[in-house]
Amino acid sequence: MAEPGRSLLIVEDDLALAGYLAAALADQGYVVQQAHHRAQALSYFSASAPPGLMLLDLGLPPQPSTMAEGLTLLDDCLRQAPATKVIVLTGQDESAAALEAVRRGAFDFLVKPAPLETILQALRRADLFAREETRLSQFGEARLHLTAQLDKGPREAAATAEEHLLR
């Protein structure tokens, strides 16, 4: 069962799948909201309380056959709400999508069609990490996700780390 009131945003352009997931996950205790394209999803991140969890399909309009919209949304959301745990759920090229999503900060990656129980397990893990990161912050510690190109040298990596820390 989800932590009571845990907010979840489902970003999926297949309306039937989005509706099914929303109903099933609401039954598990999540407070579910839906978005079907990038602009709609971004509106939830400009609110005072962005979602703590997000299920993200990478193939979104206007280019549902590519990962471009979903990856851009992933970047935008994590820039606005770095604590959000994003679980990518996609039918795109599995290995390329997984590598790029993780590189950009996704918490987990699932391939469609994923059974509901697999999605629930991923959400529970993300929930656990989010709670523990909150606990760490109460003790003055922060867990940073950092992706830096090491071939550009330590100064570039340090600048990237400093930017994440300031956020």
Protein backbone atom coordinates (compact mmCIF):
# COMPACT_ATOMS: atom_id res chain seq x y z
CA MET A 1 0.00 0.00 0.00
CA ALA A 2 1.15 3.54 -0.76
CA GLU A 3 1.94 6.11 1.88
CA PRO A 4 -1.41 7.86 2.43
CA GLY A 5 -1.87 10.78 0.08
CA ARG A 6 1.26 10.03 -1.96
CA SER A 7 0.95 12.03 -5.19
CA LEU A 8 1.52 10.31 -8.51
CA LEU A 9 1.45 11.82 -11.98
CA ILE A 10 0.86 9.42 -14.88
CA VAL A 11 2.09 10.82 -18.20
CA GLU A 12 0.72 8.55 -20.91
CA ASP A 13 -0.74 9.42 -24.32
CA ASP A 14 -2.74 6.17 -24.56
CA LEU A 15 -5.94 7.30 -22.83
CA ALA A 16 -7.18 3.76 -22.14
CA LEU A 17 -3.89 2.72 -20.51
CA ALA A 18 -3.69 5.97 -18.55
CA GLY A 19 -7.23 5.47 -17.25
CA TYR A 20 -6.58 1.86 -16.27
CA LEU A 21 -3.36 2.74 -14.44
CA ALA A 22 -4.97 5.72 -12.71
CA ALA A 23 -7.87 3.61 -11.40
CA ALA A 24 -5.68 0.68 -10.34
CA LEU A 25 -3.12 2.88 -8.58
CA ALA A 26 -5.78 5.02 -6.88
CA ASP A 27 -7.14 1.75 -5.46
CA GLN A 28 -3.65 1.23 -3.97
CA GLY A 29 -3.78 4.56 -2.13
CA TYR A 30 -2.04 6.91 -4.55
CA VAL A 31 -3.47 10.35 -5.29
CA VAL A 32 -3.33 10.10 -9.07
CA GLN A 33 -3.29 12.83 -11.69
CA GLN A 34 -2.98 12.33 -15.43
CA ALA A 35 -1.30 14.17 -18.27
CA HIS A 36 -1.28 13.13 -21.90
CA HIS A 37 1.41 15.43 -23.34
CA ARG A 38 4.43 17.40 -22.14
CA ALA A 39 2.80 20.82 -21.65
CA GLN A 40 0.00 19.33 -19.57
CA ALA A 41 2.50 17.42 -17.41
CA LEU A 42 4.64 20.53 -16.86
CA SER A 43 1.64 22.38 -15.42
CA TYR A 44 1.70 19.99 -12.44
CA PHE A 45 5.33 20.92 -11.76
CA SER A 46 4.64 24.64 -11.63
CA ALA A 47 2.21 24.03 -8.75
CA SER A 48 3.27 24.62 -5.16
CA ALA A 49 3.30 20.88 -4.46
CA PRO A 50 4.67 18.95 -7.46
CA PRO A 51 4.02 15.21 -7.59
CA GLY A 52 6.37 13.03 -5.59
CA LEU A 53 6.20 10.21 -8.12
CA MET A 54 5.78 10.11 -11.87
CA LEU A 55 5.15 7.28 -14.33
CA LEU A 56 6.43 8.57 -17.66
CA ASP A 57 5.88 7.22 -21.15
CA LEU A 58 8.72 8.46 -23.35
CA GLY A 59 6.74 8.32 -26.60
CA LEU A 60 4.58 11.42 -26.31
CA PRO A 61 2.89 13.64 -28.92
CA PRO A 62 3.69 15.30 -31.20
CA GLN A 63 6.39 12.66 -31.87
CA PRO A 64 5.09 9.48 -30.20
CA SER A 65 7.40 7.23 -32.21
CA THR A 66 10.53 8.87 -30.71
CA MET A 67 11.80 9.42 -27.18
CA ALA A 68 12.40 13.17 -27.64
CA GLU A 69 9.28 14.56 -25.91
CA GLY A 70 9.49 12.19 -22.97
CA LEU A 71 13.18 12.83 -22.38
CA THR A 72 12.68 16.59 -22.59
CA LEU A 73 9.86 16.27 -20.06
CA LEU A 74 12.09 14.18 -17.79
CA ASP A 75 14.75 16.91 -17.87
CA ASP A 76 12.24 19.70 -17.26
CA CYS A 77 10.51 17.95 -14.37
CA LEU A 78 13.70 17.04 -12.55
CA ARG A 79 15.02 20.57 -13.01
CA GLN A 80 11.85 21.97 -11.38
CA ALA A 81 11.37 19.24 -8.75
CA PRO A 82 14.58 17.23 -8.26
CA ALA A 83 13.05 15.14 -5.47
CA THR A 84 10.41 13.66 -7.80
CA LYS A 85 11.03 9.98 -8.48
CA VAL A 86 10.43 9.28 -12.16
CA ILE A 87 9.73 5.76 -13.36
CA VAL A 88 9.93 5.47 -17.12
CA LEU A 89 7.37 3.12 -18.63
CA THR A 90 7.82 2.83 -22.38
CA GLY A 91 7.62 0.63 -25.41
CA GLN A 92 10.53 2.44 -27.11
CA ASP A 93 13.88 0.81 -27.93
CA GLU A 94 14.57 -0.78 -24.56
CA SER A 95 18.34 -0.49 -24.19
CA ALA A 96 18.70 2.99 -25.71
CA ALA A 97 15.72 4.34 -23.75
CA ALA A 98 16.90 2.83 -20.47
CA LEU A 99 20.43 4.21 -20.82
CA GLU A 100 19.27 7.70 -21.73
CA ALA A 101 16.52 7.82 -19.08
CA VAL A 102 18.88 6.72 -16.31
CA ARG A 103 21.58 9.10 -17.53
CA ARG A 104 19.09 11.96 -17.23
CA GLY A 105 18.00 11.01 -13.72
CA ALA A 106 15.10 8.54 -13.97
CA PHE A 107 14.73 6.46 -10.83
CA ASP A 108 13.66 3.28 -12.65
CA PHE A 109 12.80 1.93 -16.08
CA LEU A 110 10.04 -0.52 -17.05
CA VAL A 111 9.22 -1.95 -20.48
CA LYS A 112 5.64 -2.01 -21.76
CA PRO A 113 3.61 -4.01 -21.30
CA ALA A 114 4.56 -4.14 -17.61
CA PRO A 115 2.30 -6.05 -15.22
CA LEU A 116 0.56 -3.94 -12.58
CA GLU A 117 2.46 -5.74 -9.80
CA THR A 118 5.80 -4.78 -11.41
CA ILE A 119 4.69 -1.14 -11.60
CA LEU A 120 3.59 -1.25 -7.95
CA GLN A 121 6.94 -2.68 -6.88
CA ALA A 122 8.78 0.11 -8.70
CA LEU A 123 6.52 2.74 -7.10
CA ARG A 124 7.08 1.24 -3.64
CA ARG A 125 10.88 1.34 -4.14
CA ALA A 126 10.68 4.95 -5.32
CA ASP A 127 8.47 5.81 -2.35
CA LEU A 128 10.96 4.21 0.04
CA PHE A 129 13.87 6.15 -1.47
CA ALA A 130 11.91 9.41 -1.30
CA ARG A 131 11.05 8.87 2.38
CA GLU A 132 14.63 7.99 3.28
CA GLU A 133 15.99 11.00 1.39
CA THR A 134 13.57 13.19 3.36
CA ARG A 135 14.88 11.62 6.58
CA LEU A 136 18.47 12.27 5.52
CA SER A 137 17.67 15.91 4.80
CA GLN A 138 16.33 16.30 8.33
CA PHE A 139 19.85 15.44 9.50
CA GLY A 140 21.45 17.91 7.10
CA GLU A 141 22.40 15.34 4.46
CA ALA A 142 21.46 15.29 0.79
CA ARG A 143 21.59 12.56 -1.79
CA LEU A 144 22.50 14.08 -5.15
CA HIS A 145 22.00 12.54 -8.55
CA LEU A 146 24.90 13.65 -10.66
CA THR A 147 25.69 12.84 -14.26
CA ALA A 148 28.87 14.49 -15.44
CA GLN A 149 31.05 13.91 -18.47
CA LEU A 150 34.32 12.83 -16.93
CA ASP A 151 36.29 13.41 -20.12
CA LYS A 152 35.69 17.17 -19.70
CA GLY A 153 37.75 17.17 -16.53
CA PRO A 154 37.23 17.64 -12.82
CA ARG A 155 36.30 21.34 -13.06
CA GLU A 156 33.28 20.55 -15.23
CA ALA A 157 32.22 17.72 -12.88
CA ALA A 158 32.67 20.03 -9.87
CA ALA A 159 30.60 22.77 -11.52
CA THR A 160 27.83 20.29 -12.26
CA ALA A 161 27.91 19.03 -8.67
CA GLU A 162 27.83 22.59 -7.32
CA GLU A 163 24.81 23.42 -9.50
CA HIS A 164 22.92 20.35 -8.21
CA LEU A 165 23.81 21.15 -4.62
CA LEU A 166 22.56 24.73 -4.94
CA ARG A 167 19.25 23.51 -6.36
